[in-house]
Amino acid sequence: MLSIVIPVYNYNILPLVEQLHREAFSLNIPFELLVCDDASTQVYHPEQLEAFPYLRWFSNPVNQHVAYTRNRLLKTAQYPWVLLLDADVMPVSTTFIQQYLEQRNKGYFFQGGFTYPLSTASTKRSLRFVYGSEIEQHKHLHSCCNLFFNQRELQLQFDEEITEYGYEDTLFFFALQKRGIDVTRLNNPVIHHSTESNQTYLNRSTQACWGLAQLVEQGKIKTAEVQLSRVYSQLEKARISPLLYGINWLLKRPIQRNLLGKNPSMPVFKLFKLLEFHKAKVAIRKSKSTAVTP
């Protein structure tokens, strides 16, 4: 009946597995819990995890990124309904799985949403926490951290050509739209427990901005489909995008101080991503120009 699939990289999923296994077992349904480690540099409690009777543990020999790992789990799943979760989440409700199972006759694809802990994050982790609690949890239309769907009917997969952080979830939802698959949003959230430092998250955000520029260049994402590329396009049409280089030169250090500090500003974070996207677009143009130069 149910395959619970979780890709993991350098994260302790034992508490999550315990809660999911406990509830699924109590429902007296056929189920399996599939976990795939993406070549973690640190693996937590593998012996305890493998001791769960309905859990199967897999490992990628080298890091393949989340799209490949999710696809591997989806191909392995033996039951029609799949519950896809990220490793760093925890269900809010003790009837989390039951609430999903009750929806099976009402559609094929469901998104439960997510929230963030009410506790104040430390200074070193404030950026991820502020962005998540102020923006992300209210606009999680393209998040794959908590999904329930009929894989046997839909045969979904992720784009494995994306091997860097950012926008694999966005592409996944765009593919759903193109196929006319309705997404039913439920109030069945998980808590997202991020452990990323400000610097790590800033580095990953930079990576995502450059990745978006490549995806737009490749035609996988249309400029108007994502706010960042849409705003940048508007600046280009107004012929003021070159000013972003000067803004970066003047404000780079103050922007870094703010985003790595205790109270990061979300407008400043948006400016940071716009500046990084501009750098990526300029670099792509230079690369193309060099490639065609005899």
C-alpha atoms as a PDB file:
ATOM      1  CA  MET A   1       0.000   0.000   0.000  1.00  0.00           C
ATOM      2  CA  LEU A   2       2.609   2.613   1.061  1.00  0.00           C
ATOM      3  CA  SER A   3       6.285   3.217   0.306  1.00  0.00           C
ATOM      4  CA  ILE A   4       7.929   5.895   2.456  1.00  0.00           C
ATOM      5  CA  VAL A   5      11.073   7.138   0.695  1.00  0.00           C
ATOM      6  CA  ILE A   6      13.766   9.362   2.189  1.00  0.00           C
ATOM      7  CA  PRO A   7      17.032  10.485   0.559  1.00  0.00           C
ATOM      8  CA  VAL A   8      19.654  11.414   3.154  1.00  0.00           C
ATOM      9  CA  TYR A   9      23.011  13.146   3.205  1.00  0.00           C
ATOM     10  CA  ASN A  10      24.946  13.817   6.413  1.00  0.00           C
ATOM     11  CA  TYR A  11      21.878  13.900   8.639  1.00  0.00           C
ATOM     12  CA  ASN A  12      20.619  11.866  11.592  1.00  0.00           C
ATOM     13  CA  ILE A  13      17.287  10.437  10.448  1.00  0.00           C
ATOM     14  CA  LEU A  14      16.837   7.965  13.299  1.00  0.00           C
ATOM     15  CA  PRO A  15      14.169  10.066  15.122  1.00  0.00           C
ATOM     16  CA  LEU A  16      12.231  10.542  11.858  1.00  0.00           C
ATOM     17  CA  VAL A  17      12.395   6.840  11.008  1.00  0.00           C
ATOM     18  CA  GLU A  18      11.256   5.884  14.516  1.00  0.00           C
ATOM     19  CA  GLN A  19       8.165   8.101  14.321  1.00  0.00           C
ATOM     20  CA  LEU A  20       7.208   7.054  10.787  1.00  0.00           C
ATOM     21  CA  HIS A  21       7.769   3.359  11.452  1.00  0.00           C
ATOM     22  CA  ARG A  22       5.773   3.527  14.683  1.00  0.00           C
ATOM     23  CA  GLU A  23       2.731   5.134  13.066  1.00  0.00           C
ATOM     24  CA  ALA A  24       2.770   3.015   9.900  1.00  0.00           C
ATOM     25  CA  PHE A  25       3.066  -0.185  11.949  1.00  0.00           C
ATOM     26  CA  SER A  26       0.163   0.893  14.176  1.00  0.00           C
ATOM     27  CA  LEU A  27      -2.082   1.368  11.114  1.00  0.00           C
ATOM     28  CA  ASN A  28      -1.718  -2.313  10.259  1.00  0.00           C
ATOM     29  CA  ILE A  29      -1.087  -1.657   6.556  1.00  0.00           C
ATOM     30  CA  PRO A  30       1.449  -3.078   4.100  1.00  0.00           C
ATOM     31  CA  PHE A  31       4.311  -0.595   4.023  1.00  0.00           C
ATOM     32  CA  GLU A  32       8.022  -0.204   3.489  1.00  0.00           C
ATOM     33  CA  LEU A  33      10.474   2.494   4.490  1.00  0.00           C
ATOM     34  CA  LEU A  34      13.231   3.086   1.937  1.00  0.00           C
ATOM     35  CA  VAL A  35      16.270   5.201   2.813  1.00  0.00           C
ATOM     36  CA  CYS A  36      19.085   6.005   0.389  1.00  0.00           C
ATOM     37  CA  ASP A  37      22.297   7.595   1.624  1.00  0.00           C
ATOM     38  CA  ASP A  38      23.936   9.789  -1.012  1.00  0.00           C
ATOM     39  CA  ALA A  39      27.568   8.996  -0.139  1.00  0.00           C
ATOM     40  CA  SER A  40      27.503  10.862   3.172  1.00  0.00           C
ATOM     41  CA  THR A  41      30.800  11.711   4.818  1.00  0.00           C
ATOM     42  CA  GLN A  42      29.156  10.942   8.152  1.00  0.00           C
ATOM     43  CA  VAL A  43      26.528   8.218   8.596  1.00  0.00           C
ATOM     44  CA  TYR A  44      24.401   8.179  11.755  1.00  0.00           C
ATOM     45  CA  HIS A  45      23.212   4.966  13.454  1.00  0.00           C
ATOM     46  CA  PRO A  46      23.245   2.623  10.417  1.00  0.00           C
ATOM     47  CA  GLU A  47      22.948  -0.510  12.582  1.00  0.00           C
ATOM     48  CA  GLN A  48      19.914   0.840  14.441  1.00  0.00           C
ATOM     49  CA  LEU A  49      18.257   1.895  11.199  1.00  0.00           C
ATOM     50  CA  GLU A  50      18.783  -1.473   9.539  1.00  0.00           C
ATOM     51  CA  ALA A  51      17.214  -3.151  12.573  1.00  0.00           C
ATOM     52  CA  PHE A  52      13.744  -1.836  11.689  1.00  0.00           C
ATOM     53  CA  PRO A  53      11.875  -4.784  10.129  1.00  0.00           C
ATOM     54  CA  TYR A  54      10.187  -2.781   7.355  1.00  0.00           C
ATOM     55  CA  LEU A  55      13.166  -0.575   6.450  1.00  0.00           C
ATOM     56  CA  ARG A  56      15.552  -1.071   3.548  1.00  0.00           C
ATOM     57  CA  TRP A  57      18.802   0.898   3.436  1.00  0.00           C
ATOM     58  CA  PHE A  58      20.607   1.803   0.208  1.00  0.00           C
ATOM     59  CA  SER A  59      23.804   3.733  -0.467  1.00  0.00           C
ATOM     60  CA  ASN A  60      25.140   5.548  -3.500  1.00  0.00           C
ATOM     61  CA  PRO A  61      28.850   4.732  -3.976  1.00  0.00           C
ATOM     62  CA  VAL A  62      29.506   8.360  -4.961  1.00  0.00           C
ATOM     63  CA  ASN A  63      27.481  11.511  -4.371  1.00  0.00           C
ATOM     64  CA  GLN A  64      24.804  11.720  -7.072  1.00  0.00           C
ATOM     65  CA  HIS A  65      22.688  14.618  -5.787  1.00  0.00           C
ATOM     66  CA  VAL A  66      19.073  14.552  -4.672  1.00  0.00           C
ATOM     67  CA  ALA A  67      17.360  14.131  -8.071  1.00  0.00           C
ATOM     68  CA  TYR A  68      19.169  10.870  -8.818  1.00  0.00           C
ATOM     69  CA  THR A  69      18.667   9.607  -5.277  1.00  0.00           C
ATOM     70  CA  ARG A  70      14.943  10.347  -5.300  1.00  0.00           C
ATOM     71  CA  ASN A  71      14.581   8.596  -8.650  1.00  0.00           C
ATOM     72  CA  ARG A  72      16.437   5.550  -7.352  1.00  0.00           C
ATOM     73  CA  LEU A  73      14.029   5.313  -4.440  1.00  0.00           C
ATOM     74  CA  LEU A  74      10.968   5.804  -6.637  1.00  0.00           C
ATOM     75  CA  LYS A  75      12.115   3.014  -8.966  1.00  0.00           C
ATOM     76  CA  THR A  76      12.659   0.726  -5.970  1.00  0.00           C
ATOM     77  CA  ALA A  77       9.296   1.424  -4.294  1.00  0.00           C
ATOM     78  CA  GLN A  78       7.004  -1.606  -4.558  1.00  0.00           C
ATOM     79  CA  TYR A  79       3.719  -0.042  -3.435  1.00  0.00           C
ATOM     80  CA  PRO A  80       1.517   2.312  -5.515  1.00  0.00           C
ATOM     81  CA  TRP A  81       1.368   5.182  -3.024  1.00  0.00           C
ATOM     82  CA  VAL A  82       4.578   6.995  -2.124  1.00  0.00           C
ATOM     83  CA  LEU A  83       5.316   9.364   0.745  1.00  0.00           C
ATOM     84  CA  LEU A  84       8.396  11.383  -0.230  1.00  0.00           C
ATOM     85  CA  LEU A  85      10.137  13.249   2.591  1.00  0.00           C
ATOM     86  CA  ASP A  86      13.385  15.125   3.085  1.00  0.00           C
ATOM     87  CA  ALA A  87      15.705  13.831   5.785  1.00  0.00           C
ATOM     88  CA  ASP A  88      15.697  16.993   7.910  1.00  0.00           C
ATOM     89  CA  VAL A  89      11.955  17.086   8.655  1.00  0.00           C
ATOM     90  CA  MET A  90       9.646  15.770  11.366  1.00  0.00           C
ATOM     91  CA  PRO A  91       5.849  15.329  11.097  1.00  0.00           C
ATOM     92  CA  VAL A  92       3.854  17.725  13.245  1.00  0.00           C
ATOM     93  CA  SER A  93       0.926  15.343  13.751  1.00  0.00           C
ATOM     94  CA  THR A  94       1.002  11.875  15.294  1.00  0.00           C
ATOM     95  CA  THR A  95      -1.583  10.907  12.643  1.00  0.00           C
ATOM     96  CA  PHE A  96       0.564  12.235   9.779  1.00  0.00           C
ATOM     97  CA  ILE A  97       0.437   9.097   7.612  1.00  0.00           C
ATOM     98  CA  GLN A  98      -3.215   8.403   8.399  1.00  0.00           C
ATOM     99  CA  GLN A  99      -4.233  11.875   7.212  1.00  0.00           C
ATOM    100  CA  TYR A 100      -2.577  11.209   3.871  1.00  0.00           C
ATOM    101  CA  LEU A 101      -4.088   7.748   3.461  1.00  0.00           C
ATOM    102  CA  GLU A 102      -7.566   9.216   3.960  1.00  0.00           C
ATOM    103  CA  GLN A 103      -7.067  11.301   0.794  1.00  0.00           C
ATOM    104  CA  ARG A 104      -6.435   8.418  -1.622  1.00  0.00           C
ATOM    105  CA  ASN A 105      -9.891   8.571  -3.206  1.00  0.00           C
ATOM    106  CA  LYS A 106      -9.696  12.353  -3.651  1.00  0.00           C
ATOM    107  CA  GLY A 107      -6.778  12.685  -6.055  1.00  0.00           C
ATOM    108  CA  TYR A 108      -3.362  11.432  -7.088  1.00  0.00           C
ATOM    109  CA  PHE A 109      -0.931  14.061  -5.783  1.00  0.00           C
ATOM    110  CA  PHE A 110      -0.865  15.832  -2.411  1.00  0.00           C
ATOM    111  CA  GLN A 111       1.458  18.325  -0.756  1.00  0.00           C
ATOM    112  CA  GLY A 112       1.408  18.620   3.019  1.00  0.00           C
ATOM    113  CA  GLY A 113       3.500  21.742   3.506  1.00  0.00           C
ATOM    114  CA  PHE A 114       6.088  22.554   6.138  1.00  0.00           C
ATOM    115  CA  THR A 115       6.838  24.911   8.967  1.00  0.00           C
ATOM    116  CA  TYR A 116       9.807  25.941  11.091  1.00  0.00           C
ATOM    117  CA  PRO A 117      10.470  25.575  14.829  1.00  0.00           C
ATOM    118  CA  LEU A 118       9.201  28.404  16.993  1.00  0.00           C
ATOM    119  CA  SER A 119      12.487  28.561  18.886  1.00  0.00           C
ATOM    120  CA  THR A 120      14.899  31.311  17.897  1.00  0.00           C
ATOM    121  CA  ALA A 121      17.765  30.129  15.744  1.00  0.00           C
ATOM    122  CA  SER A 122      21.372  30.756  16.746  1.00  0.00           C
ATOM    123  CA  THR A 123      23.274  33.628  15.142  1.00  0.00           C
ATOM    124  CA  LYS A 124      25.273  31.175  13.021  1.00  0.00           C
ATOM    125  CA  ARG A 125      22.070  29.714  11.557  1.00  0.00           C
ATOM    126  CA  SER A 126      19.875  32.809  11.447  1.00  0.00           C
ATOM    127  CA  LEU A 127      19.767  33.244   7.654  1.00  0.00           C
ATOM    128  CA  ARG A 128      18.208  29.857   6.893  1.00  0.00           C
ATOM    129  CA  PHE A 129      15.795  30.229   9.795  1.00  0.00           C
ATOM    130  CA  VAL A 130      14.626  33.760   8.922  1.00  0.00           C
ATOM    131  CA  TYR A 131      14.208  32.962   5.229  1.00  0.00           C
ATOM    132  CA  GLY A 132      12.355  29.762   6.047  1.00  0.00           C
ATOM    133  CA  SER A 133      10.031  31.172   8.698  1.00  0.00           C
ATOM    134  CA  GLU A 134       9.300  34.540   7.041  1.00  0.00           C
ATOM    135  CA  ILE A 135       9.120  33.554   3.374  1.00  0.00           C
ATOM    136  CA  GLU A 136       9.598  29.916   2.447  1.00  0.00           C
ATOM    137  CA  GLN A 137       6.957  28.290   4.633  1.00  0.00           C
ATOM    138  CA  HIS A 138       4.324  30.686   3.265  1.00  0.00           C
ATOM    139  CA  LYS A 139       5.314  30.189  -0.391  1.00  0.00           C
ATOM    140  CA  HIS A 140       6.262  26.523  -0.550  1.00  0.00           C
ATOM    141  CA  LEU A 141       4.482  25.864  -3.844  1.00  0.00           C
ATOM    142  CA  HIS A 142       7.582  24.225  -5.311  1.00  0.00           C
ATOM    143  CA  SER A 143       8.855  22.225  -2.357  1.00  0.00           C
ATOM    144  CA  CYS A 144       9.259  18.445  -2.478  1.00  0.00           C
ATOM    145  CA  CYS A 145      10.083  17.964   1.202  1.00  0.00           C
ATOM    146  CA  ASN A 146       6.621  16.511   2.020  1.00  0.00           C
ATOM    147  CA  LEU A 147       4.696  14.859  -0.817  1.00  0.00           C
ATOM    148  CA  PHE A 148       2.190  11.993  -1.112  1.00  0.00           C
ATOM    149  CA  PHE A 149       1.288  10.630  -4.540  1.00  0.00           C
ATOM    150  CA  ASN A 150       0.290   7.579  -6.552  1.00  0.00           C
ATOM    151  CA  GLN A 151       3.526   6.670  -8.295  1.00  0.00           C
ATOM    152  CA  ARG A 152       2.018   3.668 -10.054  1.00  0.00           C
ATOM    153  CA  GLU A 153      -0.453   5.962 -11.841  1.00  0.00           C
ATOM    154  CA  LEU A 154       1.757   9.020 -12.343  1.00  0.00           C
ATOM    155  CA  GLN A 155       5.239   7.511 -12.922  1.00  0.00           C
ATOM    156  CA  LEU A 156       6.999  10.682 -11.738  1.00  0.00           C
ATOM    157  CA  GLN A 157      10.716  11.365 -11.906  1.00  0.00           C
ATOM    158  CA  PHE A 158      13.188  14.163 -11.259  1.00  0.00           C
ATOM    159  CA  ASP A 159      15.593  15.728 -13.760  1.00  0.00           C
ATOM    160  CA  GLU A 160      18.922  14.002 -13.076  1.00  0.00           C
ATOM    161  CA  GLU A 161      20.818  16.491 -15.227  1.00  0.00           C
ATOM    162  CA  ILE A 162      20.630  18.875 -12.276  1.00  0.00           C
ATOM    163  CA  THR A 163      23.631  17.945 -10.168  1.00  0.00           C
ATOM    164  CA  GLU A 164      23.969  21.156  -8.170  1.00  0.00           C
ATOM    165  CA  TYR A 165      21.781  22.663  -5.470  1.00  0.00           C
ATOM    166  CA  GLY A 166      18.690  24.587  -6.514  1.00  0.00           C
ATOM    167  CA  TYR A 167      15.557  24.434  -8.673  1.00  0.00           C
ATOM    168  CA  GLU A 168      15.209  20.650  -9.051  1.00  0.00           C
ATOM    169  CA  ASP A 169      11.951  20.939  -7.092  1.00  0.00           C
ATOM    170  CA  THR A 170      10.806  23.844  -9.270  1.00  0.00           C
ATOM    171  CA  LEU A 171      11.402  21.834 -12.445  1.00  0.00           C
ATOM    172  CA  PHE A 172       9.541  18.890 -10.923  1.00  0.00           C
ATOM    173  CA  PHE A 173       6.435  21.008 -10.326  1.00  0.00           C
ATOM    174  CA  PHE A 174       6.661  22.596 -13.779  1.00  0.00           C
ATOM    175  CA  ALA A 175       6.623  19.060 -15.203  1.00  0.00           C
ATOM    176  CA  LEU A 176       3.453  18.346 -13.194  1.00  0.00           C
ATOM    177  CA  GLN A 177       1.819  21.447 -14.665  1.00  0.00           C
ATOM    178  CA  LYS A 178       2.740  20.455 -18.216  1.00  0.00           C
ATOM    179  CA  ARG A 179       1.140  17.051 -17.680  1.00  0.00           C
ATOM    180  CA  GLY A 180      -1.997  18.594 -16.183  1.00  0.00           C
ATOM    181  CA  ILE A 181      -1.513  16.870 -12.807  1.00  0.00           C
ATOM    182  CA  ASP A 182      -3.516  18.601 -10.090  1.00  0.00           C
ATOM    183  CA  VAL A 183      -1.685  19.341  -6.826  1.00  0.00           C
ATOM    184  CA  THR A 184      -3.928  19.168  -3.747  1.00  0.00           C
ATOM    185  CA  ARG A 185      -2.474  21.142  -0.849  1.00  0.00           C
ATOM    186  CA  LEU A 186      -3.265  19.865   2.624  1.00  0.00           C
ATOM    187  CA  ASN A 187      -2.678  21.082   6.134  1.00  0.00           C
ATOM    188  CA  ASN A 188      -0.466  18.131   7.079  1.00  0.00           C
ATOM    189  CA  PRO A 189       2.916  19.784   7.651  1.00  0.00           C
ATOM    190  CA  VAL A 190       6.340  18.677   8.713  1.00  0.00           C
ATOM    191  CA  ILE A 191       8.767  20.761  10.748  1.00  0.00           C
ATOM    192  CA  HIS A 192      11.921  21.620   8.834  1.00  0.00           C
ATOM    193  CA  HIS A 193      14.987  21.334  11.078  1.00  0.00           C
ATOM    194  CA  SER A 194      17.792  23.034   9.178  1.00  0.00           C
ATOM    195  CA  THR A 195      21.357  22.721  10.476  1.00  0.00           C
ATOM    196  CA  GLU A 196      22.971  24.899   7.806  1.00  0.00           C
ATOM    197  CA  SER A 197      25.243  27.716   8.900  1.00  0.00           C
ATOM    198  CA  ASN A 198      24.729  31.175   7.416  1.00  0.00           C
ATOM    199  CA  GLN A 199      27.847  30.815   5.272  1.00  0.00           C
ATOM    200  CA  THR A 200      26.845  27.386   3.984  1.00  0.00           C
ATOM    201  CA  TYR A 201      23.360  28.572   3.078  1.00  0.00           C
ATOM    202  CA  LEU A 202      24.751  31.697   1.418  1.00  0.00           C
ATOM    203  CA  ASN A 203      27.103  29.524  -0.652  1.00  0.00           C
ATOM    204  CA  ARG A 204      24.228  27.235  -1.653  1.00  0.00           C
ATOM    205  CA  SER A 205      22.078  30.244  -2.556  1.00  0.00           C
ATOM    206  CA  THR A 206      24.852  31.498  -4.825  1.00  0.00           C
ATOM    207  CA  GLN A 207      24.994  28.060  -6.424  1.00  0.00           C
ATOM    208  CA  ALA A 208      21.226  28.135  -6.957  1.00  0.00           C
ATOM    209  CA  CYS A 209      21.372  31.558  -8.655  1.00  0.00           C
ATOM    210  CA  TRP A 210      24.018  30.361 -11.085  1.00  0.00           C
ATOM    211  CA  GLY A 211      22.078  27.155 -11.640  1.00  0.00           C
ATOM    212  CA  LEU A 212      18.936  29.123 -12.458  1.00  0.00           C
ATOM    213  CA  ALA A 213      20.849  31.199 -15.003  1.00  0.00           C
ATOM    214  CA  GLN A 214      21.971  27.969 -16.703  1.00  0.00           C
ATOM    215  CA  LEU A 215      18.457  26.494 -16.674  1.00  0.00           C
ATOM    216  CA  VAL A 216      17.046  29.663 -18.249  1.00  0.00           C
ATOM    217  CA  GLU A 217      19.819  29.584 -20.849  1.00  0.00           C
ATOM    218  CA  GLN A 218      19.018  25.930 -21.627  1.00  0.00           C
ATOM    219  CA  GLY A 219      15.310  26.708 -21.952  1.00  0.00           C
ATOM    220  CA  LYS A 220      14.324  24.365 -19.121  1.00  0.00           C
ATOM    221  CA  ILE A 221      12.895  27.325 -17.201  1.00  0.00           C
ATOM    222  CA  LYS A 222      11.273  30.310 -18.869  1.00  0.00           C
ATOM    223  CA  THR A 223      12.417  33.731 -17.684  1.00  0.00           C
ATOM    224  CA  ALA A 224       8.927  34.735 -16.575  1.00  0.00           C
ATOM    225  CA  GLU A 225       8.360  31.572 -14.532  1.00  0.00           C
ATOM    226  CA  VAL A 226      10.705  32.477 -11.662  1.00  0.00           C
ATOM    227  CA  GLN A 227      10.646  35.779  -9.812  1.00  0.00           C
ATOM    228  CA  LEU A 228      14.429  36.239  -9.778  1.00  0.00           C
ATOM    229  CA  SER A 229      14.897  35.809 -13.530  1.00  0.00           C
ATOM    230  CA  ARG A 230      11.734  37.824 -14.230  1.00  0.00           C
ATOM    231  CA  VAL A 231      12.939  40.820 -12.181  1.00  0.00           C
ATOM    232  CA  TYR A 232      16.354  40.664 -13.812  1.00  0.00           C
ATOM    233  CA  SER A 233      14.752  40.611 -17.256  1.00  0.00           C
ATOM    234  CA  GLN A 234      12.808  43.744 -16.367  1.00  0.00           C
ATOM    235  CA  LEU A 235      16.054  45.481 -15.375  1.00  0.00           C
ATOM    236  CA  GLU A 236      17.624  44.413 -18.664  1.00  0.00           C
ATOM    237  CA  LYS A 237      14.714  45.782 -20.667  1.00  0.00           C
ATOM    238  CA  ALA A 238      15.065  49.063 -18.795  1.00  0.00           C
ATOM    239  CA  ARG A 239      18.808  48.961 -19.610  1.00  0.00           C
ATOM    240  CA  ILE A 240      19.832  49.378 -15.991  1.00  0.00           C
ATOM    241  CA  SER A 241      21.159  45.877 -15.267  1.00  0.00           C
ATOM    242  CA  PRO A 242      24.809  47.043 -15.791  1.00  0.00           C
ATOM    243  CA  LEU A 243      24.370  49.171 -12.663  1.00  0.00           C
ATOM    244  CA  LEU A 244      24.326  45.970 -10.624  1.00  0.00           C
ATOM    245  CA  TYR A 245      28.107  45.698 -10.985  1.00  0.00           C
ATOM    246  CA  GLY A 246      28.532  49.056  -9.293  1.00  0.00           C
ATOM    247  CA  ILE A 247      26.050  48.143  -6.577  1.00  0.00           C
ATOM    248  CA  ASN A 248      27.949  44.925  -5.942  1.00  0.00           C
ATOM    249  CA  TRP A 249      31.263  46.818  -5.723  1.00  0.00           C
ATOM    250  CA  LEU A 250      29.828  49.344  -3.264  1.00  0.00           C
ATOM    251  CA  LEU A 251      27.693  47.066  -1.104  1.00  0.00           C
ATOM    252  CA  LYS A 252      29.281  43.613  -1.250  1.00  0.00           C
ATOM    253  CA  ARG A 253      30.795  43.767   2.224  1.00  0.00           C
ATOM    254  CA  PRO A 254      27.774  45.363   3.967  1.00  0.00           C
ATOM    255  CA  ILE A 255      25.519  42.777   2.318  1.00  0.00           C
ATOM    256  CA  GLN A 256      27.753  39.947   3.534  1.00  0.00           C
ATOM    257  CA  ARG A 257      27.836  41.357   7.076  1.00  0.00           C
ATOM    258  CA  ASN A 258      24.078  41.605   7.196  1.00  0.00           C
ATOM    259  CA  LEU A 259      23.364  38.139   5.840  1.00  0.00           C
ATOM    260  CA  LEU A 260      25.957  36.462   8.047  1.00  0.00           C
ATOM    261  CA  GLY A 261      24.821  38.356  11.131  1.00  0.00           C
ATOM    262  CA  LYS A 262      22.161  37.829  13.767  1.00  0.00           C
ATOM    263  CA  ASN A 263      19.312  39.660  12.000  1.00  0.00           C
ATOM    264  CA  PRO A 264      19.572  39.075   8.245  1.00  0.00           C
ATOM    265  CA  SER A 265      17.294  41.239   6.101  1.00  0.00           C
ATOM    266  CA  MET A 266      15.159  39.524   3.484  1.00  0.00           C
ATOM    267  CA  PRO A 267      15.221  42.535   1.099  1.00  0.00           C
ATOM    268  CA  VAL A 268      19.017  42.418   1.351  1.00  0.00           C
ATOM    269  CA  PHE A 269      18.906  38.692   0.628  1.00  0.00           C
ATOM    270  CA  LYS A 270      16.840  39.363  -2.504  1.00  0.00           C
ATOM    271  CA  LEU A 271      19.412  41.947  -3.610  1.00  0.00           C
ATOM    272  CA  PHE A 272      22.214  39.448  -2.975  1.00  0.00           C
ATOM    273  CA  LYS A 273      20.533  36.862  -5.220  1.00  0.00           C
ATOM    274  CA  LEU A 274      19.896  39.450  -7.929  1.00  0.00           C
ATOM    275  CA  LEU A 275      23.579  40.396  -7.921  1.00  0.00           C
ATOM    276  CA  GLU A 276      24.640  36.746  -8.135  1.00  0.00           C
ATOM    277  CA  PHE A 277      22.195  36.083 -10.954  1.00  0.00           C
ATOM    278  CA  HIS A 278      23.636  39.070 -12.832  1.00  0.00           C
ATOM    279  CA  LYS A 279      27.175  37.696 -12.442  1.00  0.00           C
ATOM    280  CA  ALA A 280      26.015  34.341 -13.759  1.00  0.00           C
ATOM    281  CA  LYS A 281      24.271  35.867 -16.785  1.00  0.00           C
ATOM    282  CA  VAL A 282      27.347  37.941 -17.671  1.00  0.00           C
ATOM    283  CA  ALA A 283      29.606  34.893 -17.291  1.00  0.00           C
ATOM    284  CA  ILE A 284      27.355  32.827 -19.582  1.00  0.00           C
ATOM    285  CA  ARG A 285      27.382  35.543 -22.238  1.00  0.00           C
ATOM    286  CA  LYS A 286      31.164  35.815 -22.082  1.00  0.00           C
ATOM    287  CA  SER A 287      31.474  32.060 -22.380  1.00  0.00           C
ATOM    288  CA  LYS A 288      29.232  31.971 -25.445  1.00  0.00           C
ATOM    289  CA  SER A 289      31.091  34.893 -27.003  1.00  0.00           C
ATOM    290  CA  THR A 290      34.439  33.174 -26.477  1.00  0.00           C
ATOM    291  CA  ALA A 291      33.097  29.935 -27.933  1.00  0.00           C
ATOM    292  CA  VAL A 292      32.107  31.569 -31.245  1.00  0.00           C
ATOM    293  CA  THR A 293      35.223  33.715 -31.594  1.00  0.00           C
ATOM    294  CA  PRO A 294      37.522  32.267 -34.327  1.00  0.00           C
END
